[in-house]
Every structure is written in structure tokens, then in C-alpha cells.
Amino acid sequence: MSKHKNKSKFSSKSIVSTTITKPALPPCHKGFTEIYPRIFVGKALDIDSRFLTNVDVLIPLDSVDGRIWSSGWRGDLFYMPIEDFSTLPADVQDWAVNETLDIYQSGKSIAIFCTGGHGRTGYFTSLILGKLGVEDPIDLLRTNYCEKAVECNSQVDAIAKYLDKPELKEKYQIQYSFYDEYPELYRYDFRGYSSYSNSASCYKMCYRCQYFEPVSPDSYNGWCDICEKIRYKYDNACEAFNQ
């Protein structure tokens, strides 16, 4: 029998014996925010009966819970599905923006939302705000709603091009975006498809590590038992990474 034992800088014993107090952090944005008169932004899980009393038209960019009807709400739905971490085709984008502006300019209040309320919500809302005359819609969203609004370069590029504001691309271009460089890995492996799982596993990100625990099911943040702090799920993992 071998006398040698596998040694690790981070043993299971040391992890178990360590008492960690996890801070109760609020979500990066809570509930819907009226970012512009009669324009609300948020995430799907924040839709409730109280909020629905303030809005005439829901604009889901991913999906909406069918329980909205049990609240008694009888408003309108303008469903505009957008792939996560992506944008609309140019012709569809132009049509969707004009349709939304027609709804808004008729005097109705609208709510724009996706799953997390960041990328797609920030992207599509920026298009609407820009057409309404907001000089820097990304700044308005990040300052008054959530700093994670608009998540990847393809969304920044689409906003800058559609609004004819190249300065927005220069200002908000992300230096490195996993989603822009490896979109095929996100679209397949991140959604549970096994065909890309092996090729994607070489990219060590926090959400793949066993020591990472999401703050909540819909959160992009989580607690790292090794670092003992909150990490963004797509951050590069530390040296203790263990899948």
C-alpha cells in the first residue's frame, strides 16, 4: 500500500472546519424601475400583481409567467423574443422599435424585461430611449437602474449603430467578453447541450466551480467558499477551481 497521499492546498478538512458568514447582499436591482416616464425596466421574476396595476403593455424579451392573468391584469402583450447575450436582426430590430414607440406614444405605459433584466433589457430599452431623444441611454440605465445593463459588445455595437452614435461604442466597448469571443460555447454548453461541454470545460469560470454558490436562482452573483467573498458567475476562477 502506498504511503503517499494526494495533497491539495485546499483540503476538504480545512473547508469543513472553516466557519463562513455569508453577507446578506441585496440583488443588483430590485423590482421594476421607471427609467423614463411610463417606461419600466426589470426582470421577469419581479412581475407581481402590485406592479401590474401600473403598466398597460408587457414587452417580454424572453418569456412571461402565465400567472399574470390570475392577478386580474388584462393589458396587452408585445412579445419580442431575443436570444440571450444577443440582439435582433437589423430589419426585425427596426420594426420592433417602431412598434414599441407607437405603443408608447399612444399614451400607454410599458414594461420591458428579460430573465435577468440586464443584457437584452438594457439593449432594447437603449434603442427606445435613444429614439426618444436620450443622449446616452446606456449611462441613464446604468446610473439609475443597474450597472450591468447591456452586457456584451454585440449589444453595444447594435445600439451605437442604430442610434448613429459611434461615441457610444467607443465609450462602452468591453475589453474582453467571453460571449463575444466564444458565442457558440455559450449558446450550447451554457444551456446544457452536451456536444460542446468538453471544449467549453477548459474555460475556468466561477459558476463551474463546486465552491461557488449562487446568491439566488436567478442571480449572476454567488458566494465563493474559498475566496470568502461574492464573485460574478462568469469571473475567471481562482487557483482553487474544482469542477
Protein backbone atom coordinates (compact mmCIF):
# COMPACT_ATOMS: atom_id res chain seq x y z
CA MET A 1 0.00 0.00 0.00
CA SER A 2 1.41 3.35 -0.99
CA LYS A 3 2.40 5.71 1.79
CA HIS A 4 1.87 8.73 -0.40
CA LYS A 5 -1.34 10.69 -0.14
CA ASN A 6 -2.79 13.16 -2.56
CA LYS A 7 -2.08 16.58 -1.18
CA SER A 8 -4.01 19.71 -2.01
CA LYS A 9 -3.54 23.27 -0.90
CA PHE A 10 -7.22 23.32 -0.07
CA SER A 11 -8.17 20.12 1.74
CA SER A 12 -11.77 19.12 2.38
CA LYS A 13 -10.98 19.09 6.08
CA SER A 14 -9.91 22.72 6.13
CA ILE A 15 -13.01 23.74 4.21
CA VAL A 16 -15.39 21.91 6.53
CA SER A 17 -13.78 23.31 9.66
CA THR A 18 -13.93 26.88 8.40
CA THR A 19 -16.87 28.92 9.59
CA ILE A 20 -18.01 31.34 6.91
CA THR A 21 -20.52 34.07 7.45
CA LYS A 22 -22.12 34.97 4.17
CA PRO A 23 -23.35 38.54 3.86
CA ALA A 24 -26.98 39.05 3.00
CA LEU A 25 -26.48 41.13 -0.12
CA PRO A 26 -29.41 42.75 -1.91
CA PRO A 27 -29.82 41.95 -5.62
CA CYS A 28 -28.13 44.35 -8.03
CA HIS A 29 -31.58 45.72 -8.85
CA LYS A 30 -34.81 45.04 -7.05
CA GLY A 31 -38.21 45.32 -8.65
CA PHE A 32 -39.03 47.36 -11.73
CA THR A 33 -37.62 50.85 -12.24
CA GLU A 34 -39.40 53.64 -14.09
CA ILE A 35 -36.38 54.68 -16.13
CA TYR A 36 -38.33 57.18 -18.22
CA PRO A 37 -41.93 58.43 -17.86
CA ARG A 38 -44.16 55.36 -18.40
CA ILE A 39 -41.22 53.10 -19.30
CA PHE A 40 -40.40 50.43 -16.72
CA VAL A 41 -37.46 48.00 -16.81
CA GLY A 42 -36.74 44.92 -14.73
CA LYS A 43 -36.59 41.14 -14.75
CA ALA A 44 -39.34 38.58 -15.25
CA LEU A 45 -39.35 37.30 -11.67
CA ASP A 46 -40.18 40.76 -10.33
CA ILE A 47 -43.56 40.91 -12.03
CA ASP A 48 -46.32 40.79 -9.41
CA SER A 49 -49.92 41.95 -9.04
CA ARG A 50 -48.91 45.27 -7.48
CA PHE A 51 -46.61 46.13 -10.34
CA LEU A 52 -49.14 45.11 -12.98
CA THR A 53 -51.54 47.82 -11.81
CA ASN A 54 -49.03 50.40 -13.13
CA VAL A 55 -48.46 49.04 -16.63
CA ASP A 56 -50.59 48.74 -19.76
CA VAL A 57 -48.30 46.70 -22.03
CA LEU A 58 -45.76 44.00 -21.15
CA ILE A 59 -42.82 43.57 -23.53
CA PRO A 60 -41.12 40.26 -22.65
CA LEU A 61 -37.82 39.65 -24.42
CA ASP A 62 -37.65 36.06 -23.22
CA SER A 63 -40.82 34.78 -21.53
CA VAL A 64 -43.55 35.78 -19.11
CA ASP A 65 -45.28 33.77 -16.39
CA GLY A 66 -48.84 32.79 -17.34
CA ARG A 67 -49.94 33.58 -13.79
CA ILE A 68 -50.16 37.25 -14.75
CA TRP A 69 -53.79 36.56 -15.72
CA SER A 70 -54.75 35.28 -12.27
CA SER A 71 -53.93 38.73 -10.88
CA GLY A 72 -56.80 40.16 -12.90
CA TRP A 73 -54.48 42.05 -15.24
CA ARG A 74 -55.91 42.39 -18.74
CA GLY A 75 -53.34 44.54 -20.51
CA ASP A 76 -51.54 43.90 -23.79
CA LEU A 77 -48.51 41.78 -24.61
CA PHE A 78 -45.96 42.66 -27.27
CA TYR A 79 -43.74 39.58 -27.29
CA MET A 80 -40.29 40.14 -28.80
CA PRO A 81 -38.00 37.13 -28.13
CA ILE A 82 -34.27 37.80 -28.26
CA GLU A 83 -31.57 35.18 -27.84
CA ASP A 84 -29.64 35.63 -24.57
CA PHE A 85 -26.48 37.75 -24.91
CA SER A 86 -27.55 38.74 -28.40
CA THR A 87 -29.50 41.26 -30.48
CA LEU A 88 -32.28 41.26 -33.07
CA PRO A 89 -31.66 41.08 -36.83
CA ALA A 90 -31.49 44.63 -38.20
CA ASP A 91 -34.84 44.51 -40.01
CA VAL A 92 -36.67 42.97 -37.04
CA GLN A 93 -34.98 45.42 -34.69
CA ASP A 94 -36.20 48.43 -36.68
CA TRP A 95 -39.74 47.05 -36.83
CA ALA A 96 -39.80 46.20 -33.11
CA VAL A 97 -38.53 49.64 -32.07
CA ASN A 98 -41.11 51.43 -34.23
CA GLU A 99 -43.93 49.23 -32.94
CA THR A 100 -42.86 49.89 -29.36
CA LEU A 101 -42.66 53.64 -29.98
CA ASP A 102 -46.16 53.60 -31.48
CA ILE A 103 -47.46 51.85 -28.35
CA TYR A 104 -45.66 54.28 -26.06
CA GLN A 105 -46.66 57.40 -27.96
CA SER A 106 -50.29 56.34 -27.79
CA GLY A 107 -50.06 57.15 -24.09
CA LYS A 108 -49.65 53.64 -22.71
CA SER A 109 -47.15 52.62 -20.05
CA ILE A 110 -44.80 49.78 -20.99
CA ALA A 111 -42.59 47.29 -19.14
CA ILE A 112 -39.52 45.87 -20.87
CA PHE A 113 -37.90 42.82 -19.30
CA CYS A 114 -35.95 39.61 -19.86
CA THR A 115 -34.77 36.86 -17.50
CA GLY A 116 -32.10 38.75 -15.56
CA GLY A 117 -33.03 42.28 -16.60
CA HIS A 118 -29.52 43.12 -17.80
CA GLY A 119 -28.36 42.41 -21.35
CA ARG A 120 -31.44 42.14 -23.54
CA THR A 121 -33.41 44.56 -21.38
CA GLY A 122 -30.60 47.12 -21.49
CA TYR A 123 -30.09 46.67 -25.22
CA PHE A 124 -33.70 47.02 -26.32
CA THR A 125 -34.54 49.78 -23.84
CA SER A 126 -31.49 51.75 -25.01
CA LEU A 127 -32.83 51.68 -28.56
CA ILE A 128 -36.18 53.05 -27.39
CA LEU A 129 -34.67 55.71 -25.12
CA GLY A 130 -32.27 56.82 -27.86
CA LYS A 131 -35.12 57.31 -30.31
CA LEU A 132 -36.95 59.33 -27.66
CA GLY A 133 -34.02 61.74 -27.51
CA VAL A 134 -31.95 60.44 -24.60
CA GLU A 135 -28.35 61.40 -25.41
CA ASP A 136 -26.70 58.45 -23.65
CA PRO A 137 -29.28 55.73 -22.90
CA ILE A 138 -26.70 53.24 -21.59
CA ASP A 139 -25.50 55.73 -18.99
CA LEU A 140 -29.10 56.50 -17.99
CA LEU A 141 -29.79 52.80 -17.44
CA ARG A 142 -26.56 52.04 -15.61
CA THR A 143 -26.81 55.09 -13.38
CA ASN A 144 -30.49 54.91 -12.49
CA TYR A 145 -31.31 51.22 -12.85
CA CYS A 146 -28.45 48.71 -12.87
CA GLU A 147 -24.73 48.97 -13.67
CA LYS A 148 -24.92 45.63 -15.53
CA ALA A 149 -27.42 46.87 -18.11
CA VAL A 150 -26.15 46.00 -21.63
CA GLU A 151 -23.79 43.05 -21.23
CA CYS A 152 -21.77 42.42 -24.36
CA ASN A 153 -20.11 44.16 -27.29
CA SER A 154 -22.65 42.98 -29.84
CA GLN A 155 -25.35 44.82 -27.89
CA VAL A 156 -23.21 47.96 -27.52
CA ASP A 157 -22.42 47.85 -31.26
CA ALA A 158 -26.09 47.47 -32.22
CA ILE A 159 -27.12 50.41 -30.04
CA ALA A 160 -24.37 52.68 -31.37
CA LYS A 161 -25.12 51.77 -34.99
CA TYR A 162 -28.91 52.07 -34.74
CA LEU A 163 -28.78 55.43 -32.96
CA ASP A 164 -25.92 56.66 -35.20
CA LYS A 165 -23.80 57.39 -32.14
CA PRO A 166 -20.32 55.85 -32.69
CA GLU A 167 -19.18 57.52 -29.48
CA LEU A 168 -21.27 55.03 -27.51
CA LYS A 169 -19.26 52.15 -28.97
CA GLU A 170 -16.00 53.85 -28.03
CA LYS A 171 -17.23 54.62 -24.53
CA TYR A 172 -18.78 51.26 -23.62
CA GLN A 173 -16.76 48.74 -25.62
CA ILE A 174 -15.89 45.85 -23.33
CA GLN A 175 -12.19 44.97 -23.44
CA TYR A 176 -12.85 41.24 -23.15
CA SER A 177 -16.17 39.49 -23.42
CA PHE A 178 -16.43 35.71 -23.25
CA TYR A 179 -19.80 35.87 -25.00
CA ASP A 180 -18.47 37.82 -27.97
CA GLU A 181 -15.36 35.66 -28.46
CA TYR A 182 -16.97 32.26 -27.89
CA PRO A 183 -20.69 32.66 -28.65
CA GLU A 184 -21.03 29.04 -29.74
CA LEU A 185 -19.88 27.83 -26.32
CA TYR A 186 -22.47 29.95 -24.56
CA ARG A 187 -25.33 29.03 -26.85
CA TYR A 188 -24.70 25.33 -26.50
CA ASP A 189 -22.82 24.35 -23.36
CA PHE A 190 -24.28 27.04 -21.09
CA ARG A 191 -27.77 25.85 -21.99
CA GLY A 192 -27.00 22.24 -21.16
CA TYR A 193 -26.14 20.79 -24.56
CA SER A 194 -23.52 18.07 -24.18
CA SER A 195 -21.94 18.44 -27.64
CA TYR A 196 -19.83 21.40 -26.52
CA SER A 197 -19.33 20.52 -22.86
CA ASN A 198 -15.82 19.11 -23.26
CA SER A 199 -14.48 22.01 -25.33
CA ALA A 200 -16.03 24.56 -23.00
CA SER A 201 -14.76 22.98 -19.80
CA CYS A 202 -11.25 24.34 -20.35
CA TYR A 203 -12.57 27.83 -19.63
CA LYS A 204 -12.45 28.06 -15.86
CA MET A 205 -15.21 30.32 -14.66
CA CYS A 206 -16.62 30.66 -11.16
CA TYR A 207 -20.02 29.22 -11.96
CA ARG A 208 -18.37 25.90 -12.94
CA CYS A 209 -16.63 25.52 -9.58
CA GLN A 210 -18.06 23.39 -6.77
CA TYR A 211 -17.15 26.09 -4.25
CA PHE A 212 -19.39 28.65 -5.96
CA GLU A 213 -22.94 29.03 -4.62
CA PRO A 214 -25.39 31.41 -6.39
CA VAL A 215 -26.89 34.09 -4.15
CA SER A 216 -30.29 33.19 -5.60
CA PRO A 217 -31.52 31.03 -8.51
CA ASP A 218 -31.75 34.00 -10.89
CA SER A 219 -28.63 35.85 -9.69
CA TYR A 220 -25.45 36.43 -11.70
CA ASN A 221 -23.55 36.67 -8.39
CA GLY A 222 -22.55 33.94 -5.98
CA TRP A 223 -20.55 33.21 -2.84
CA CYS A 224 -17.11 31.60 -3.14
CA ASP A 225 -16.24 29.42 -0.14
CA ILE A 226 -12.54 29.71 -0.94
CA CYS A 227 -12.27 33.46 -1.59
CA GLU A 228 -14.91 34.14 1.07
CA LYS A 229 -16.50 36.87 -0.99
CA ILE A 230 -19.15 37.49 -3.62
CA ARG A 231 -18.00 36.74 -7.17
CA TYR A 232 -19.62 37.29 -10.57
CA LYS A 233 -20.54 33.88 -12.01
CA TYR A 234 -18.57 34.43 -15.23
CA ASP A 235 -15.41 35.70 -13.49
CA ASN A 236 -12.22 33.75 -14.15
CA ALA A 237 -11.95 31.19 -11.35
CA CYS A 238 -9.16 31.31 -8.78
CA GLU A 239 -6.41 28.65 -8.40
CA ALA A 240 -8.67 26.55 -6.15
CA PHE A 241 -11.01 25.84 -9.07
CA ASN A 242 -12.59 22.41 -8.69
CA GLN A 243 -15.28 21.45 -11.18
